[in-house]
Amino acid sequence: MKIAFIGGGNMGEAMLAAILEDGLAKPGSIQVGDVSPARLEHLQQKYGVSVKKSNPEAISGKDIVVLAVKPQNLPGVMAELNGRLKSAQLVISIIAGARIDTLSGGLKHGAIVRAMPNTPAQIGQGMSVWTATAGVTAEQKGLAGAILGSMGRELYVDDEGYLDMATAVSGSGPAYFFLMVESLVDAAVEIGLPRDMAKEMVLQTMLGSGRFIQASGEEPAELRRKVTSPGGTTAEALLRLEKGEFPRLIGEAVKAAYDRARKLGG
């Protein structure tokens, strides 16, 4: 599999590293194009891939072209690559907010996968939601699934509208989690725990709880009920959260992110 990366940011590098680690491609079959010479040098030295200053040169002869540029740089990249892609080449875009019709029209190309990975992909624990145009073959879908799966879990959807929803849930979700961890650590320090001890306790509790949900096969609401004894410490804490309308605030946050994602996509 021969791959071109257009853009070498954090998520693009995460995908590059995962592809190499899983043996989906060898360094010699990968070329990277980026506007930053320093970034190109970093990727070449760290991964042994080839680098090109010219994006049209980078995509030449490649089976897959990954678009990983910043959203504001997409118009320029599309202008460079417009009409230069071969019909058999697959384009995988991980550019936030860039809709398929925008990509297809700007590139004059029909075989496009649009994916929404998230930050944990950088350590192989990501969640990537993706969809594909009708011009993407079954074989190309298999390749796209393998590439996205190398960064963690991948979920194919047949409606692009789910991508904006995924942006609000799994895409922005790590930030919600980070805020919860930050707040819980601060609260633990406030009642007297040393910060390093509090952080270790909170992180393991969060990680263990997530894995427990997966392993149990039960609904989170049922697990919450099982660990909440009437009149106990957990019940008292949850009562305060409910009085503060915590569930409603989470719902409003996700809705706000979803509305913003739809607006950014035009």
Protein backbone atom coordinates (compact mmCIF):
# COMPACT_ATOMS: atom_id res chain seq x y z
CA MET A 1 0.00 0.00 0.00
CA LYS A 2 1.45 3.34 -1.11
CA ILE A 3 0.29 6.35 0.88
CA ALA A 4 0.69 10.12 0.62
CA PHE A 5 0.09 12.37 3.62
CA ILE A 6 -0.78 15.96 2.87
CA GLY A 7 -0.16 17.72 6.18
CA GLY A 8 1.93 16.42 9.05
CA GLY A 9 0.13 17.70 12.15
CA ASN A 10 -0.45 15.73 15.34
CA MET A 11 -3.34 13.64 14.04
CA GLY A 12 -1.65 13.02 10.72
CA GLU A 13 1.48 11.90 12.54
CA ALA A 14 -0.62 9.66 14.81
CA MET A 15 -2.08 7.94 11.75
CA LEU A 16 1.34 7.65 10.13
CA ALA A 17 2.84 6.08 13.24
CA ALA A 18 -0.08 3.66 13.62
CA ILE A 19 0.13 2.55 9.99
CA LEU A 20 3.83 1.79 10.36
CA GLU A 21 3.41 0.07 13.71
CA ASP A 22 0.68 -2.21 12.34
CA GLY A 23 2.74 -2.99 9.25
CA LEU A 24 0.09 -1.67 6.86
CA ALA A 25 2.80 0.12 4.86
CA LYS A 26 6.56 0.49 4.93
CA PRO A 27 8.38 3.83 5.34
CA GLY A 28 9.63 3.66 1.76
CA SER A 29 6.07 3.57 0.41
CA ILE A 30 4.97 6.70 2.26
CA GLN A 31 5.48 10.31 1.19
CA VAL A 32 4.55 13.39 3.17
CA GLY A 33 3.88 16.88 1.90
CA ASP A 34 3.73 19.81 4.31
CA VAL A 35 4.18 23.57 4.23
CA SER A 36 6.61 23.41 7.15
CA PRO A 37 10.18 22.32 6.28
CA ALA A 38 10.85 21.71 9.98
CA ARG A 39 7.86 19.40 10.20
CA LEU A 40 8.96 17.48 7.12
CA GLU A 41 12.45 17.05 8.55
CA HIS A 42 11.01 15.78 11.85
CA LEU A 43 8.82 13.17 10.12
CA GLN A 44 11.61 12.05 7.82
CA GLN A 45 14.09 11.59 10.64
CA LYS A 46 11.65 9.94 13.06
CA TYR A 47 9.87 7.57 10.67
CA GLY A 48 12.14 7.25 7.65
CA VAL A 49 9.44 8.34 5.21
CA SER A 50 10.03 10.38 2.06
CA VAL A 51 9.07 14.05 2.10
CA LYS A 52 8.03 16.41 -0.67
CA LYS A 53 7.59 20.16 -0.69
CA SER A 54 5.17 19.80 -3.62
CA ASN A 55 1.80 18.23 -2.82
CA PRO A 56 1.13 17.14 -6.44
CA GLU A 57 4.49 15.38 -6.40
CA ALA A 58 3.68 13.73 -3.06
CA ILE A 59 0.47 12.10 -4.34
CA SER A 60 1.98 10.78 -7.57
CA GLY A 61 1.64 7.01 -7.84
CA LYS A 62 0.03 6.59 -4.43
CA ASP A 63 -2.95 4.34 -3.68
CA ILE A 64 -4.21 6.46 -0.80
CA VAL A 65 -4.00 10.20 -0.17
CA VAL A 66 -4.58 11.31 3.43
CA LEU A 67 -5.62 14.93 3.87
CA ALA A 68 -4.52 16.05 7.34
CA VAL A 69 -4.08 19.79 6.89
CA LYS A 70 -5.61 22.51 9.04
CA PRO A 71 -9.11 23.55 7.85
CA GLN A 72 -7.91 27.02 6.84
CA ASN A 73 -5.30 25.44 4.53
CA LEU A 74 -7.75 23.16 2.72
CA PRO A 75 -8.77 25.59 -0.07
CA GLY A 76 -5.13 26.00 -1.12
CA VAL A 77 -4.51 22.25 -1.06
CA MET A 78 -7.63 21.57 -3.12
CA ALA A 79 -6.51 24.15 -5.67
CA GLU A 80 -3.14 22.37 -5.92
CA LEU A 81 -4.63 18.90 -6.31
CA ASN A 82 -7.70 19.79 -8.37
CA GLY A 83 -7.85 17.41 -11.33
CA ARG A 84 -4.53 15.74 -10.46
CA LEU A 85 -5.94 12.71 -8.64
CA LYS A 86 -6.40 9.47 -10.55
CA SER A 87 -9.83 7.85 -10.37
CA ALA A 88 -8.38 4.79 -8.61
CA GLN A 89 -6.81 6.82 -5.80
CA LEU A 90 -8.63 6.92 -2.46
CA VAL A 91 -8.73 10.19 -0.52
CA ILE A 92 -9.10 9.95 3.27
CA SER A 93 -9.85 13.29 4.92
CA ILE A 94 -9.46 13.81 8.67
CA ILE A 95 -10.02 17.56 8.37
CA ALA A 96 -12.57 18.77 10.92
CA GLY A 97 -15.69 20.23 9.35
CA ALA A 98 -14.72 19.51 5.73
CA ARG A 99 -17.79 17.97 4.12
CA ILE A 100 -17.66 15.40 1.34
CA ASP A 101 -19.32 17.66 -1.23
CA THR A 102 -16.71 20.35 -0.51
CA LEU A 103 -13.87 17.87 -0.91
CA SER A 104 -15.34 16.20 -3.97
CA GLY A 105 -16.01 19.50 -5.73
CA GLY A 106 -12.71 21.09 -4.75
CA LEU A 107 -10.64 18.07 -5.79
CA LYS A 108 -12.81 16.97 -8.73
CA HIS A 109 -12.65 13.46 -7.32
CA GLY A 110 -15.21 10.81 -6.45
CA ALA A 111 -13.54 8.28 -4.13
CA ILE A 112 -13.50 10.00 -0.74
CA VAL A 113 -13.61 8.83 2.86
CA ARG A 114 -14.36 11.41 5.53
CA ALA A 115 -13.27 10.44 9.05
CA MET A 116 -13.54 11.98 12.51
CA PRO A 117 -10.79 10.58 14.78
CA ASN A 118 -10.14 11.92 18.27
CA THR A 119 -7.15 12.82 20.41
CA PRO A 120 -6.54 9.38 22.02
CA ALA A 121 -5.70 8.13 18.53
CA GLN A 122 -2.25 9.54 19.27
CA ILE A 123 -1.68 6.62 21.66
CA GLY A 124 -3.61 4.00 19.70
CA GLN A 125 -6.77 4.37 21.83
CA GLY A 126 -8.82 6.56 19.54
CA MET A 127 -12.40 6.44 18.28
CA SER A 128 -12.78 7.15 14.56
CA VAL A 129 -16.19 7.52 12.93
CA TRP A 130 -16.17 7.54 9.14
CA THR A 131 -18.21 7.40 5.98
CA ALA A 132 -17.49 6.99 2.28
CA THR A 133 -18.82 8.10 -1.08
CA ALA A 134 -20.40 5.68 -3.54
CA GLY A 135 -17.18 5.85 -5.57
CA VAL A 136 -15.20 4.05 -2.84
CA THR A 137 -14.84 0.33 -3.60
CA ALA A 138 -15.31 -2.47 -1.09
CA GLU A 139 -11.55 -3.06 -1.15
CA GLN A 140 -10.85 0.61 -0.47
CA LYS A 141 -13.34 0.59 2.41
CA GLY A 142 -11.42 -2.34 3.85
CA LEU A 143 -8.16 -0.39 3.61
CA ALA A 144 -9.73 2.71 5.18
CA GLY A 145 -11.13 0.63 8.04
CA ALA A 146 -7.74 -0.98 8.65
CA ILE A 147 -5.96 2.39 8.68
CA LEU A 148 -8.45 4.02 11.05
CA GLY A 149 -8.60 0.87 13.19
CA SER A 150 -4.83 1.00 13.64
CA MET A 151 -5.42 4.10 15.81
CA GLY A 152 -7.97 2.40 18.06
CA ARG A 153 -11.61 1.65 17.29
CA GLU A 154 -13.35 2.58 14.05
CA LEU A 155 -17.05 2.83 13.24
CA TYR A 156 -18.44 3.10 9.70
CA VAL A 157 -21.69 5.03 9.18
CA ASP A 158 -23.64 5.34 5.96
CA ASP A 159 -24.92 8.86 6.64
CA GLU A 160 -22.50 11.79 6.70
CA GLY A 161 -24.81 13.57 9.14
CA TYR A 162 -23.53 11.28 11.87
CA LEU A 163 -20.07 12.82 11.49
CA ASP A 164 -21.21 16.13 13.03
CA MET A 165 -22.76 14.15 15.88
CA ALA A 166 -19.54 12.20 16.32
CA THR A 167 -17.63 15.48 16.40
CA ALA A 168 -19.75 16.61 19.35
CA VAL A 169 -19.49 13.30 21.23
CA SER A 170 -16.24 11.43 20.50
CA GLY A 171 -14.38 14.26 18.78
CA SER A 172 -14.88 16.83 21.55
CA GLY A 173 -15.47 14.17 24.20
CA PRO A 174 -11.85 13.93 25.41
CA ALA A 175 -12.02 17.59 26.46
CA TYR A 176 -15.16 16.88 28.53
CA PHE A 177 -13.30 14.00 30.17
CA PHE A 178 -10.22 16.15 30.82
CA LEU A 179 -12.41 18.78 32.49
CA MET A 180 -14.03 16.13 34.70
CA VAL A 181 -10.61 14.79 35.71
CA GLU A 182 -9.33 18.31 36.37
CA SER A 183 -12.36 19.16 38.50
CA LEU A 184 -12.24 15.92 40.47
CA VAL A 185 -8.53 16.29 41.19
CA ASP A 186 -9.05 19.88 42.33
CA ALA A 187 -11.90 18.77 44.59
CA ALA A 188 -9.74 16.01 46.07
CA VAL A 189 -6.98 18.53 46.83
CA GLU A 190 -9.54 20.84 48.39
CA ILE A 191 -10.51 18.21 50.98
CA GLY A 192 -6.85 17.55 51.82
CA LEU A 193 -5.33 14.99 49.43
CA PRO A 194 -1.87 15.72 47.97
CA ARG A 195 -2.23 16.57 44.25
CA ASP A 196 -0.07 13.71 42.96
CA MET A 197 -2.02 11.20 45.04
CA ALA A 198 -5.34 12.71 43.94
CA LYS A 199 -4.37 12.56 40.26
CA GLU A 200 -3.36 8.90 40.49
CA MET A 201 -6.61 7.99 42.25
CA VAL A 202 -8.79 9.91 39.80
CA LEU A 203 -7.12 8.60 36.64
CA GLN A 204 -7.24 4.96 37.71
CA THR A 205 -10.85 5.36 38.82
CA MET A 206 -11.81 6.83 35.45
CA LEU A 207 -9.90 4.23 33.43
CA GLY A 208 -11.15 1.34 35.55
CA SER A 209 -14.75 2.53 35.40
CA GLY A 210 -14.69 2.80 31.61
CA ARG A 211 -13.23 -0.67 31.25
CA PHE A 212 -15.73 -2.03 33.76
CA ILE A 213 -18.62 -0.69 31.65
CA GLN A 214 -17.18 -2.44 28.59
CA ALA A 215 -16.55 -5.73 30.42
CA SER A 216 -19.87 -5.87 32.25
CA GLY A 217 -22.09 -5.41 29.21
CA GLU A 218 -24.55 -3.53 31.41
CA GLU A 219 -25.98 -0.06 30.88
CA PRO A 220 -24.16 2.74 32.76
CA ALA A 221 -27.42 3.71 34.49
CA GLU A 222 -27.79 0.20 35.90
CA LEU A 223 -24.19 0.13 37.12
CA ARG A 224 -24.71 3.52 38.76
CA ARG A 225 -27.74 2.19 40.60
CA LYS A 226 -25.80 -0.85 41.78
CA VAL A 227 -23.01 1.20 43.37
CA THR A 228 -25.36 3.73 44.97
CA SER A 229 -26.52 2.63 48.41
CA PRO A 230 -29.51 4.56 49.81
CA GLY A 231 -28.32 7.16 52.29
CA GLY A 232 -24.67 6.44 51.52
CA THR A 233 -21.78 8.64 50.42
CA THR A 234 -22.30 8.02 46.69
CA ALA A 235 -26.01 8.83 46.94
CA GLU A 236 -25.19 12.11 48.68
CA ALA A 237 -22.67 13.08 46.01
CA LEU A 238 -25.03 12.20 43.14
CA LEU A 239 -27.82 14.19 44.77
CA ARG A 240 -25.62 17.31 44.66
CA LEU A 241 -24.80 16.68 41.00
CA GLU A 242 -28.48 16.29 40.16
CA LYS A 243 -29.35 19.49 42.04
CA GLY A 244 -26.71 21.24 39.96
CA GLU A 245 -28.38 19.79 36.84
CA PHE A 246 -25.20 18.01 35.77
CA PRO A 247 -26.97 15.76 33.20
CA ARG A 248 -28.68 18.78 31.64
CA LEU A 249 -25.39 20.67 31.37
CA ILE A 250 -23.75 17.71 29.60
CA GLY A 251 -26.67 17.60 27.17
CA GLU A 252 -26.39 21.32 26.50
CA ALA A 253 -22.63 21.05 25.97
CA VAL A 254 -22.99 18.26 23.40
CA LYS A 255 -25.80 20.13 21.63
CA ALA A 256 -23.68 23.30 21.47
CA ALA A 257 -20.75 21.35 19.99
CA TYR A 258 -23.07 19.67 17.47
CA ASP A 259 -24.58 22.99 16.37
CA ARG A 260 -21.11 24.46 15.98
CA ALA A 261 -19.93 21.48 13.93
CA ARG A 262 -22.88 21.87 11.55
CA LYS A 263 -22.21 25.60 11.22
CA LEU A 264 -18.51 25.11 10.49
CA GLY A 265 -19.35 22.59 7.80
CA GLY A 266 -21.57 25.08 6.05
